[in-house]
């Protein structure tokens, strides 16, 4: 025979709960509310993406600006406080394919890897964004294609940094070779 007991925490009358039980109940409610809010936000993003994709496939008019997902305020890409992958809420494979397609489109458009963002020609940049929008219709849900432009900026910044690093390394190797050659002459 199972023994059943009723505790104050399981009672329906809040006036009979202890302060500790009330606090536990409150914290559980807050945690559940936060979880539901996050889940709602994710589902709302997916809904907007699906809606825009459906409208794009029907050939309807461009999405209204108030339906677009704006760039998150207060976020600074490249400063360590913003993660595009987690914000987009897509799988790792799709994200990697998205980034790779942007890189391929940049190369195909002939945009120089050493170009500063402000110096990238508008024509080739528009071609790149059109190609990426065709491959990933959910990008139309974002205002001014900011996820794609953020990846382009990061790619160009990383390319310039890599070129500078390689040049610095080559310079250091050449200086070391000259030093070694001149050191051998004095002995």
N, C-alpha and C. Protein backbone atom coordinates (compact mmCIF):
# COMPACT_ATOMS: atom_id res chain seq x y z
N UNK A 1 0.83 -1.17 0.00
CA UNK A 1 0.00 0.00 0.00
C UNK A 1 0.89 1.25 0.00
N UNK A 2 0.70 2.10 -1.02
CA UNK A 2 1.51 3.30 -1.16
C UNK A 2 1.06 4.36 -0.17
N UNK A 3 2.00 4.99 0.41
CA UNK A 3 1.71 6.02 1.40
C UNK A 3 1.68 7.38 0.69
N UNK A 4 0.63 8.10 0.83
CA UNK A 4 0.51 9.42 0.21
C UNK A 4 0.49 10.47 1.29
N UNK A 5 1.26 11.51 1.04
CA UNK A 5 1.27 12.63 1.98
C UNK A 5 1.09 13.91 1.19
N UNK A 6 0.43 14.82 1.80
CA UNK A 6 0.29 16.12 1.15
C UNK A 6 1.17 17.10 1.89
N UNK A 7 1.93 17.85 1.12
CA UNK A 7 2.80 18.85 1.74
C UNK A 7 2.20 20.22 1.51
N UNK A 8 2.76 21.17 2.20
CA UNK A 8 2.26 22.53 2.05
C UNK A 8 2.52 23.04 0.64
N UNK A 9 3.62 22.57 -0.01
CA UNK A 9 3.96 23.04 -1.36
C UNK A 9 2.97 22.54 -2.39
N UNK A 10 2.37 21.38 -2.14
CA UNK A 10 1.43 20.86 -3.12
C UNK A 10 0.00 21.33 -2.85
N UNK A 11 -0.21 22.03 -1.78
CA UNK A 11 -1.54 22.52 -1.44
C UNK A 11 -1.94 23.65 -2.37
N UNK A 12 -3.20 23.82 -2.61
CA UNK A 12 -3.72 24.84 -3.52
C UNK A 12 -3.78 26.22 -2.87
N UNK A 13 -3.83 26.27 -1.58
CA UNK A 13 -3.99 27.53 -0.87
C UNK A 13 -2.63 28.17 -0.60
N UNK A 14 -2.30 29.28 -1.29
CA UNK A 14 -1.00 29.91 -1.11
C UNK A 14 -0.77 30.45 0.31
N UNK A 15 -1.83 30.72 1.03
CA UNK A 15 -1.65 31.26 2.38
C UNK A 15 -1.06 30.22 3.33
N UNK A 16 -1.14 28.94 2.97
CA UNK A 16 -0.62 27.88 3.82
C UNK A 16 0.83 27.51 3.46
N UNK A 17 1.39 28.18 2.45
CA UNK A 17 2.76 27.87 2.03
C UNK A 17 3.76 28.64 2.87
N UNK A 18 4.91 28.01 3.10
CA UNK A 18 5.98 28.70 3.82
C UNK A 18 6.66 29.68 2.87
N UNK A 19 7.47 30.57 3.42
CA UNK A 19 8.17 31.55 2.58
C UNK A 19 9.11 30.83 1.61
N UNK A 20 9.78 29.79 2.07
CA UNK A 20 10.70 29.03 1.22
C UNK A 20 9.95 28.37 0.07
N UNK A 21 8.78 27.79 0.36
CA UNK A 21 7.96 27.15 -0.68
C UNK A 21 7.45 28.19 -1.68
N UNK A 22 7.06 29.37 -1.17
CA UNK A 22 6.60 30.44 -2.06
C UNK A 22 7.73 30.91 -2.98
N UNK A 23 8.92 31.02 -2.41
CA UNK A 23 10.08 31.44 -3.20
C UNK A 23 10.41 30.41 -4.28
N UNK A 24 10.40 29.11 -3.91
CA UNK A 24 10.64 28.05 -4.89
C UNK A 24 9.59 28.07 -5.99
N UNK A 25 8.36 28.26 -5.63
CA UNK A 25 7.27 28.30 -6.61
C UNK A 25 7.43 29.51 -7.52
N UNK A 26 7.79 30.65 -6.95
CA UNK A 26 8.02 31.86 -7.74
C UNK A 26 9.18 31.67 -8.72
N UNK A 27 10.31 31.13 -8.24
CA UNK A 27 11.48 30.91 -9.10
C UNK A 27 11.16 29.92 -10.22
N UNK A 28 10.41 28.88 -9.92
CA UNK A 28 10.02 27.91 -10.95
C UNK A 28 9.15 28.58 -12.01
N UNK A 29 8.27 29.46 -11.57
CA UNK A 29 7.39 30.18 -12.50
C UNK A 29 8.20 31.12 -13.38
N UNK A 30 9.14 31.83 -12.78
CA UNK A 30 9.99 32.77 -13.54
C UNK A 30 10.82 32.01 -14.56
N UNK A 31 11.41 30.89 -14.15
CA UNK A 31 12.23 30.08 -15.05
C UNK A 31 11.39 29.56 -16.22
N UNK A 32 10.21 29.09 -15.89
CA UNK A 32 9.32 28.57 -16.94
C UNK A 32 8.91 29.69 -17.88
N UNK A 33 8.64 30.88 -17.34
CA UNK A 33 8.27 32.03 -18.16
C UNK A 33 9.41 32.42 -19.10
N UNK A 34 10.66 32.44 -18.59
CA UNK A 34 11.81 32.75 -19.42
C UNK A 34 11.97 31.74 -20.54
N UNK A 35 11.82 30.46 -20.20
CA UNK A 35 11.93 29.40 -21.20
C UNK A 35 10.87 29.55 -22.28
N UNK A 36 9.64 29.83 -21.86
CA UNK A 36 8.56 30.00 -22.83
C UNK A 36 8.77 31.25 -23.69
N UNK A 37 9.30 32.31 -23.11
CA UNK A 37 9.57 33.53 -23.87
C UNK A 37 10.62 33.27 -24.94
N UNK A 38 11.70 32.55 -24.59
CA UNK A 38 12.74 32.21 -25.57
C UNK A 38 12.17 31.32 -26.67
N UNK A 39 11.39 30.34 -26.29
CA UNK A 39 10.80 29.43 -27.26
C UNK A 39 9.86 30.19 -28.19
N UNK A 40 9.06 31.11 -27.65
CA UNK A 40 8.17 31.92 -28.47
C UNK A 40 8.98 32.75 -29.47
N UNK A 41 10.07 33.35 -28.99
CA UNK A 41 10.91 34.17 -29.87
C UNK A 41 11.47 33.34 -31.02
N UNK A 42 11.95 32.14 -30.71
CA UNK A 42 12.48 31.26 -31.75
C UNK A 42 11.40 30.85 -32.74
N UNK A 43 10.25 30.48 -32.22
CA UNK A 43 9.15 30.07 -33.10
C UNK A 43 8.65 31.24 -33.95
N UNK A 44 8.65 32.45 -33.37
CA UNK A 44 8.21 33.62 -34.12
C UNK A 44 9.18 33.91 -35.27
N UNK A 45 10.49 33.76 -35.02
CA UNK A 45 11.48 33.95 -36.09
C UNK A 45 11.25 32.92 -37.19
N UNK A 46 11.04 31.65 -36.80
CA UNK A 46 10.81 30.61 -37.80
C UNK A 46 9.53 30.88 -38.58
N UNK A 47 8.50 31.36 -37.89
CA UNK A 47 7.25 31.68 -38.55
C UNK A 47 7.45 32.80 -39.58
N UNK A 48 8.16 33.87 -39.17
CA UNK A 48 8.41 34.98 -40.10
C UNK A 48 9.20 34.51 -41.31
N UNK A 49 10.22 33.66 -41.05
CA UNK A 49 11.02 33.13 -42.15
C UNK A 49 10.17 32.31 -43.11
N UNK A 50 9.33 31.44 -42.56
CA UNK A 50 8.48 30.59 -43.39
C UNK A 50 7.47 31.43 -44.17
N UNK A 51 6.92 32.44 -43.51
CA UNK A 51 5.95 33.32 -44.16
C UNK A 51 6.59 34.06 -45.33
N UNK A 52 7.79 34.62 -45.10
CA UNK A 52 8.49 35.35 -46.16
C UNK A 52 8.87 34.42 -47.30
N UNK A 53 9.31 33.21 -46.97
CA UNK A 53 9.68 32.25 -48.01
C UNK A 53 8.47 31.88 -48.84
N UNK A 54 7.33 31.68 -48.19
CA UNK A 54 6.10 31.35 -48.91
C UNK A 54 5.68 32.50 -49.81
N UNK A 55 5.75 33.73 -49.29
CA UNK A 55 5.39 34.89 -50.11
C UNK A 55 6.34 35.05 -51.28
N UNK A 56 7.63 34.78 -51.04
CA UNK A 56 8.61 34.89 -52.12
C UNK A 56 8.36 33.84 -53.19
N UNK A 57 7.96 32.63 -52.77
CA UNK A 57 7.71 31.57 -53.75
C UNK A 57 6.43 31.83 -54.55
N UNK A 58 5.49 32.56 -53.97
CA UNK A 58 4.27 32.91 -54.69
C UNK A 58 4.49 34.10 -55.61
N UNK A 59 5.62 34.77 -55.45
CA UNK A 59 5.91 35.93 -56.29
C UNK A 59 5.15 37.16 -55.84
N UNK A 60 4.82 37.23 -54.58
CA UNK A 60 4.08 38.39 -54.08
C UNK A 60 5.02 39.58 -53.94
N UNK A 61 4.47 40.67 -53.53
CA UNK A 61 5.24 41.91 -53.38
C UNK A 61 6.33 41.74 -52.32
N UNK A 62 7.25 42.65 -52.33
CA UNK A 62 8.34 42.62 -51.35
C UNK A 62 7.77 42.73 -49.94
N UNK A 63 8.46 42.14 -48.97
CA UNK A 63 7.98 42.20 -47.59
C UNK A 63 7.96 43.64 -47.08
N UNK A 64 7.00 43.91 -46.22
CA UNK A 64 6.92 45.25 -45.64
C UNK A 64 8.05 45.43 -44.64
N UNK A 65 8.50 46.66 -44.52
CA UNK A 65 9.66 46.92 -43.66
C UNK A 65 9.37 46.61 -42.19
N UNK A 66 8.12 46.72 -41.75
CA UNK A 66 7.84 46.43 -40.34
C UNK A 66 7.83 44.93 -40.06
N UNK A 67 7.77 44.09 -41.11
CA UNK A 67 7.82 42.65 -40.93
C UNK A 67 9.25 42.12 -40.89
N UNK A 68 10.22 42.95 -41.27
CA UNK A 68 11.60 42.51 -41.35
C UNK A 68 12.25 42.49 -39.97
N UNK A 69 13.19 41.58 -39.79
CA UNK A 69 13.91 41.47 -38.53
C UNK A 69 15.05 42.48 -38.54
N UNK A 70 15.04 43.46 -37.65
CA UNK A 70 16.08 44.49 -37.66
C UNK A 70 17.37 43.96 -37.04
N UNK A 71 18.44 44.69 -37.30
CA UNK A 71 19.71 44.36 -36.66
C UNK A 71 19.55 44.59 -35.17
N UNK A 72 20.01 43.65 -34.34
CA UNK A 72 19.83 43.80 -32.90
C UNK A 72 20.56 45.05 -32.38
N UNK A 73 19.84 45.89 -31.70
CA UNK A 73 20.44 47.13 -31.19
C UNK A 73 21.40 46.81 -30.06
N UNK A 74 22.44 47.62 -29.99
CA UNK A 74 23.42 47.44 -28.93
C UNK A 74 24.43 46.36 -29.21
N UNK A 75 24.37 45.72 -30.38
CA UNK A 75 25.29 44.64 -30.69
C UNK A 75 26.44 45.17 -31.54
N UNK A 76 27.63 44.71 -31.28
CA UNK A 76 28.79 45.12 -32.03
C UNK A 76 29.47 43.87 -32.57
N UNK A 77 29.33 43.59 -33.87
CA UNK A 77 29.98 42.39 -34.40
C UNK A 77 31.49 42.52 -34.28
N UNK A 78 32.14 41.40 -34.04
CA UNK A 78 33.59 41.41 -33.94
C UNK A 78 34.11 41.85 -32.59
N UNK A 79 33.25 42.19 -31.66
CA UNK A 79 33.68 42.64 -30.34
C UNK A 79 33.49 41.56 -29.28
N UNK A 80 33.04 40.37 -29.69
CA UNK A 80 32.91 39.27 -28.76
C UNK A 80 31.57 39.19 -28.05
N UNK A 81 30.68 40.16 -28.25
CA UNK A 81 29.40 40.12 -27.55
C UNK A 81 28.24 39.75 -28.47
N UNK A 82 28.55 39.34 -29.70
CA UNK A 82 27.49 39.02 -30.65
C UNK A 82 27.87 37.77 -31.42
N UNK A 83 26.96 36.81 -31.48
CA UNK A 83 27.21 35.56 -32.19
C UNK A 83 26.12 35.38 -33.23
N UNK A 84 26.46 35.58 -34.49
CA UNK A 84 25.48 35.51 -35.57
C UNK A 84 24.87 34.12 -35.68
N UNK A 85 25.67 33.08 -35.49
CA UNK A 85 25.17 31.72 -35.60
C UNK A 85 24.02 31.47 -34.62
N UNK A 86 24.20 31.87 -33.38
CA UNK A 86 23.14 31.63 -32.38
C UNK A 86 21.94 32.53 -32.64
N UNK A 87 22.16 33.73 -33.19
CA UNK A 87 21.04 34.62 -33.46
C UNK A 87 20.18 34.10 -34.61
N UNK A 88 20.81 33.54 -35.65
CA UNK A 88 20.06 33.08 -36.81
C UNK A 88 19.20 31.86 -36.50
N UNK A 89 19.58 31.10 -35.49
CA UNK A 89 18.80 29.94 -35.09
C UNK A 89 18.64 28.95 -36.24
N UNK A 90 19.75 28.64 -36.91
CA UNK A 90 19.76 27.62 -37.96
C UNK A 90 20.79 26.58 -37.56
N UNK A 91 20.75 25.43 -38.19
CA UNK A 91 21.70 24.37 -37.87
C UNK A 91 23.12 24.72 -38.29
N UNK A 92 24.08 24.02 -37.69
CA UNK A 92 25.50 24.28 -37.97
C UNK A 92 25.82 24.03 -39.44
N UNK A 93 25.27 22.95 -40.02
CA UNK A 93 25.55 22.64 -41.42
C UNK A 93 25.00 23.72 -42.34
N UNK A 94 23.77 24.18 -42.07
CA UNK A 94 23.19 25.23 -42.91
C UNK A 94 23.96 26.53 -42.77
N UNK A 95 24.40 26.84 -41.56
CA UNK A 95 25.18 28.06 -41.34
C UNK A 95 26.50 27.99 -42.11
N UNK A 96 27.19 26.85 -42.02
CA UNK A 96 28.46 26.69 -42.73
C UNK A 96 28.25 26.81 -44.25
N UNK A 97 27.16 26.21 -44.75
CA UNK A 97 26.86 26.30 -46.18
C UNK A 97 26.53 27.74 -46.56
N UNK A 98 25.83 28.46 -45.69
CA UNK A 98 25.49 29.86 -45.91
C UNK A 98 26.75 30.70 -46.04
N UNK A 99 27.68 30.52 -45.11
CA UNK A 99 28.94 31.27 -45.12
C UNK A 99 29.76 30.92 -46.36
N UNK A 100 29.83 29.62 -46.68
CA UNK A 100 30.60 29.19 -47.85
C UNK A 100 30.02 29.75 -49.14
N UNK A 101 28.70 29.81 -49.24
CA UNK A 101 28.08 30.34 -50.46
C UNK A 101 28.36 31.84 -50.61
N UNK A 102 28.43 32.55 -49.49
CA UNK A 102 28.77 33.97 -49.54
C UNK A 102 30.21 34.14 -50.02
N UNK A 103 31.11 33.32 -49.48
CA UNK A 103 32.52 33.41 -49.89
C UNK A 103 32.65 33.10 -51.39
N UNK A 104 31.96 32.06 -51.86
CA UNK A 104 32.03 31.70 -53.28
C UNK A 104 31.45 32.81 -54.15
N UNK A 105 30.37 33.41 -53.72
CA UNK A 105 29.76 34.50 -54.49
C UNK A 105 30.68 35.71 -54.55
N UNK A 106 31.38 35.99 -53.46
CA UNK A 106 32.34 37.11 -53.45
C UNK A 106 33.46 36.87 -54.45
N UNK A 107 33.98 35.66 -54.47
CA UNK A 107 35.05 35.32 -55.39
C UNK A 107 34.54 35.39 -56.83
N UNK A 108 33.35 34.85 -57.07
CA UNK A 108 32.76 34.85 -58.42
C UNK A 108 32.50 36.28 -58.91
N UNK A 109 32.13 37.17 -57.99
CA UNK A 109 31.84 38.56 -58.37
C UNK A 109 33.13 39.36 -58.58
N UNK A 110 34.27 38.79 -58.23
CA UNK A 110 35.55 39.47 -58.43
C UNK A 110 35.84 40.56 -57.42
N UNK A 111 35.25 40.47 -56.25
CA UNK A 111 35.51 41.47 -55.21
C UNK A 111 36.86 41.15 -54.58
N UNK A 112 37.73 42.13 -54.52
CA UNK A 112 39.08 41.96 -54.00
C UNK A 112 39.03 41.61 -52.51
N UNK A 113 39.88 40.66 -52.13
CA UNK A 113 39.96 40.27 -50.72
C UNK A 113 40.59 41.36 -49.86
N UNK A 114 41.29 42.29 -50.51
CA UNK A 114 41.96 43.36 -49.75
C UNK A 114 41.10 44.61 -49.65
N UNK A 115 39.91 44.58 -50.24
CA UNK A 115 39.05 45.76 -50.26
C UNK A 115 38.50 46.06 -48.87
N UNK A 116 38.42 47.32 -48.56
CA UNK A 116 37.72 47.75 -47.35
C UNK A 116 36.22 47.73 -47.66
N UNK A 117 35.40 47.51 -46.65
CA UNK A 117 33.95 47.44 -46.86
C UNK A 117 33.43 48.69 -47.56
N UNK A 118 33.89 49.83 -47.14
CA UNK A 118 33.39 51.08 -47.72
C UNK A 118 33.81 51.26 -49.17
N UNK A 119 34.82 50.50 -49.63
CA UNK A 119 35.29 50.62 -51.01
C UNK A 119 34.77 49.52 -51.93
N UNK A 120 33.94 48.62 -51.41
CA UNK A 120 33.40 47.54 -52.25
C UNK A 120 32.39 48.16 -53.21
N UNK A 121 32.55 47.90 -54.52
CA UNK A 121 31.62 48.47 -55.50
C UNK A 121 30.19 47.95 -55.29
N UNK A 122 29.23 48.84 -55.45
CA UNK A 122 27.83 48.49 -55.19
C UNK A 122 27.31 47.43 -56.16
N UNK A 123 27.71 47.49 -57.42
CA UNK A 123 27.21 46.53 -58.43
C UNK A 123 27.55 45.09 -58.08
N UNK A 124 28.84 44.76 -57.92
CA UNK A 124 29.20 43.39 -57.55
C UNK A 124 28.63 42.96 -56.20
N UNK A 125 28.54 43.89 -55.26
CA UNK A 125 27.96 43.55 -53.96
C UNK A 125 26.49 43.18 -54.11
N UNK A 126 25.76 43.91 -54.93
CA UNK A 126 24.35 43.58 -55.17
C UNK A 126 24.22 42.20 -55.83
N UNK A 127 25.14 41.87 -56.74
CA UNK A 127 25.13 40.55 -57.36
C UNK A 127 25.31 39.45 -56.31
N UNK A 128 26.27 39.67 -55.41
CA UNK A 128 26.52 38.69 -54.36
C UNK A 128 25.28 38.50 -53.50
N UNK A 129 24.66 39.60 -53.08
CA UNK A 129 23.47 39.50 -52.23
C UNK A 129 22.31 38.85 -52.96
N UNK A 130 22.17 39.11 -54.28
CA UNK A 130 21.11 38.47 -55.06
C UNK A 130 21.31 36.96 -55.12
N UNK A 131 22.56 36.55 -55.35
CA UNK A 131 22.86 35.11 -55.42
C UNK A 131 22.55 34.44 -54.08
N UNK A 132 22.97 35.07 -53.01
CA UNK A 132 22.75 34.49 -51.69
C UNK A 132 21.26 34.46 -51.35
N UNK A 133 20.53 35.52 -51.71
CA UNK A 133 19.08 35.56 -51.46
C UNK A 133 18.36 34.46 -52.22
N UNK A 134 18.82 34.16 -53.43
CA UNK A 134 18.20 33.07 -54.20
C UNK A 134 18.42 31.73 -53.52
N UNK A 135 19.62 31.52 -53.00
CA UNK A 135 19.94 30.25 -52.36
C UNK A 135 19.30 30.11 -50.98
N UNK A 136 19.16 31.23 -50.29
CA UNK A 136 18.61 31.22 -48.93
C UNK A 136 17.47 32.23 -48.84
N UNK A 137 16.25 31.82 -49.21
CA UNK A 137 15.12 32.76 -49.22
C UNK A 137 14.80 33.35 -47.84
N UNK A 138 15.17 32.67 -46.77
CA UNK A 138 14.89 33.19 -45.43
C UNK A 138 15.67 34.48 -45.15
N UNK A 139 16.70 34.76 -45.96
CA UNK A 139 17.47 35.99 -45.78
C UNK A 139 16.60 37.23 -46.03
N UNK A 140 15.54 37.06 -46.80
CA UNK A 140 14.63 38.18 -47.10
C UNK A 140 13.89 38.66 -45.85
N UNK A 141 13.93 37.88 -44.78
CA UNK A 141 13.25 38.29 -43.55
C UNK A 141 14.06 39.28 -42.73
N UNK A 142 15.30 39.53 -43.14
CA UNK A 142 16.18 40.41 -42.39
C UNK A 142 16.33 41.75 -43.11
N UNK A 143 16.22 42.80 -42.36
CA UNK A 143 16.31 44.16 -42.89
C UNK A 143 17.70 44.38 -43.50
N UNK A 144 17.73 44.81 -44.75
CA UNK A 144 18.98 45.12 -45.48
C UNK A 144 19.96 43.96 -45.54
N UNK A 145 19.46 42.74 -45.45
CA UNK A 145 20.31 41.53 -45.54
C UNK A 145 21.49 41.59 -44.56
N UNK A 146 21.26 42.12 -43.36
CA UNK A 146 22.37 42.35 -42.45
C UNK A 146 23.15 41.10 -42.06
N UNK A 147 22.55 39.88 -42.01
CA UNK A 147 23.41 38.72 -41.71
C UNK A 147 24.46 38.48 -42.80
N UNK A 148 24.05 38.62 -44.07
CA UNK A 148 24.98 38.39 -45.18
C UNK A 148 26.04 39.49 -45.22
N UNK A 149 25.64 40.73 -45.04
CA UNK A 149 26.63 41.81 -45.08
C UNK A 149 27.60 41.71 -43.91
N UNK A 150 27.13 41.23 -42.77
CA UNK A 150 28.02 41.03 -41.62
C UNK A 150 29.07 39.97 -41.92
N UNK A 151 28.66 38.89 -42.59
CA UNK A 151 29.61 37.84 -42.95
C UNK A 151 30.60 38.36 -43.99
N UNK A 152 30.12 39.16 -44.94
CA UNK A 152 31.01 39.73 -45.96
C UNK A 152 32.05 40.62 -45.28
N UNK A 153 31.62 41.48 -44.36
CA UNK A 153 32.56 42.36 -43.66
C UNK A 153 33.60 41.55 -42.89
N UNK A 154 33.15 40.51 -42.21
CA UNK A 154 34.06 39.67 -41.44
C UNK A 154 35.05 38.97 -42.36
N UNK A 155 34.57 38.46 -43.50
CA UNK A 155 35.42 37.77 -44.47
C UNK A 155 36.51 38.70 -44.99
N UNK A 156 36.12 39.90 -45.39
CA UNK A 156 37.10 40.86 -45.91
C UNK A 156 38.12 41.25 -44.83
N UNK A 157 37.64 41.47 -43.62
CA UNK A 157 38.52 41.83 -42.51
C UNK A 157 39.53 40.70 -42.23
N UNK A 158 39.04 39.45 -42.23
CA UNK A 158 39.92 38.31 -41.97
C UNK A 158 40.93 38.12 -43.10
N UNK A 159 40.51 38.34 -44.35
CA UNK A 159 41.42 38.21 -45.49
C UNK A 159 42.54 39.26 -45.40
N UNK A 160 42.19 40.49 -45.11
CA UNK A 160 43.20 41.55 -44.99
C UNK A 160 44.17 41.23 -43.85
N UNK A 161 43.64 40.75 -42.75
CA UNK A 161 44.47 40.40 -41.60
C UNK A 161 45.42 39.26 -41.95
N UNK A 162 44.93 38.27 -42.66
CA UNK A 162 45.76 37.13 -43.06
C UNK A 162 46.88 37.57 -44.00
N UNK A 163 46.56 38.44 -44.94
CA UNK A 163 47.56 38.93 -45.90
C UNK A 163 48.64 39.73 -45.15
N UNK A 164 48.22 40.58 -44.21
CA UNK A 164 49.19 41.35 -43.42
C UNK A 164 50.08 40.44 -42.60
N UNK A 165 49.48 39.41 -42.00
CA UNK A 165 50.23 38.46 -41.16
C UNK A 165 51.26 37.71 -42.00
N UNK A 166 50.85 37.27 -43.20
CA UNK A 166 51.78 36.55 -44.09
C UNK A 166 52.91 37.46 -44.55
N UNK A 167 52.59 38.71 -44.86
CA UNK A 167 53.62 39.66 -45.29
C UNK A 167 54.60 39.93 -44.15
N UNK A 168 54.09 40.08 -42.95
CA UNK A 168 54.94 40.32 -41.79
C UNK A 168 55.86 39.11 -41.55
N UNK A 169 55.28 37.90 -41.69
CA UNK A 169 56.07 36.68 -41.49
C UNK A 169 57.16 36.57 -42.56
N UNK A 170 56.82 36.88 -43.82
CA UNK A 170 57.80 36.83 -44.90
C UNK A 170 58.92 37.85 -44.65
N UNK A 171 58.55 39.03 -44.19
CA UNK A 171 59.54 40.06 -43.89
C UNK A 171 60.47 39.60 -42.77
N UNK A 172 59.90 39.01 -41.74
CA UNK A 172 60.71 38.52 -40.62
C UNK A 172 61.64 37.39 -41.07
N UNK A 173 61.14 36.49 -41.93
CA UNK A 173 61.98 35.40 -42.43
C UNK A 173 63.11 35.94 -43.29
N UNK A 174 62.81 36.94 -44.12
CA UNK A 174 63.85 37.54 -44.96
C UNK A 174 64.89 38.24 -44.10
N UNK A 175 64.45 38.94 -43.08
CA UNK A 175 65.38 39.63 -42.17
C UNK A 175 66.24 38.61 -41.44
N UNK A 176 65.65 37.50 -41.04
CA UNK A 176 66.41 36.46 -40.34
C UNK A 176 67.44 35.83 -41.28
N UNK A 177 67.06 35.63 -42.55
CA UNK A 177 67.98 35.05 -43.53
C UNK A 177 69.14 35.99 -43.80
N UNK A 178 68.86 37.29 -43.90
CA UNK A 178 69.91 38.27 -44.12
C UNK A 178 70.84 38.32 -42.92
N UNK A 179 70.26 38.29 -41.72
CA UNK A 179 71.07 38.31 -40.49
C UNK A 179 71.96 37.07 -40.41
N UNK A 180 71.39 35.93 -40.79
CA UNK A 180 72.18 34.69 -40.75
C UNK A 180 73.29 34.72 -41.79
N UNK A 181 73.01 35.30 -42.97
CA UNK A 181 74.01 35.37 -44.03
C UNK A 181 75.13 36.33 -43.65
N UNK A 182 74.75 37.45 -43.06
CA UNK A 182 75.78 38.43 -42.66
C UNK A 182 76.57 37.94 -41.45
N UNK A 183 75.97 37.17 -40.60
CA UNK A 183 76.67 36.63 -39.43
C UNK A 183 77.72 35.63 -39.89
N UNK A 184 77.43 34.90 -40.96
CA UNK A 184 78.37 33.93 -41.48
C UNK A 184 79.56 34.60 -42.15
N UNK A 185 79.38 35.82 -42.66
CA UNK A 185 80.46 36.54 -43.32
C UNK A 185 81.49 37.05 -42.34
N UNK A 186 81.11 37.33 -41.11
CA UNK A 186 82.01 37.92 -40.12
C UNK A 186 82.84 36.89 -39.39
N UNK A 187 82.57 35.65 -39.57
CA UNK A 187 83.34 34.65 -38.82
C UNK A 187 84.58 34.19 -39.52
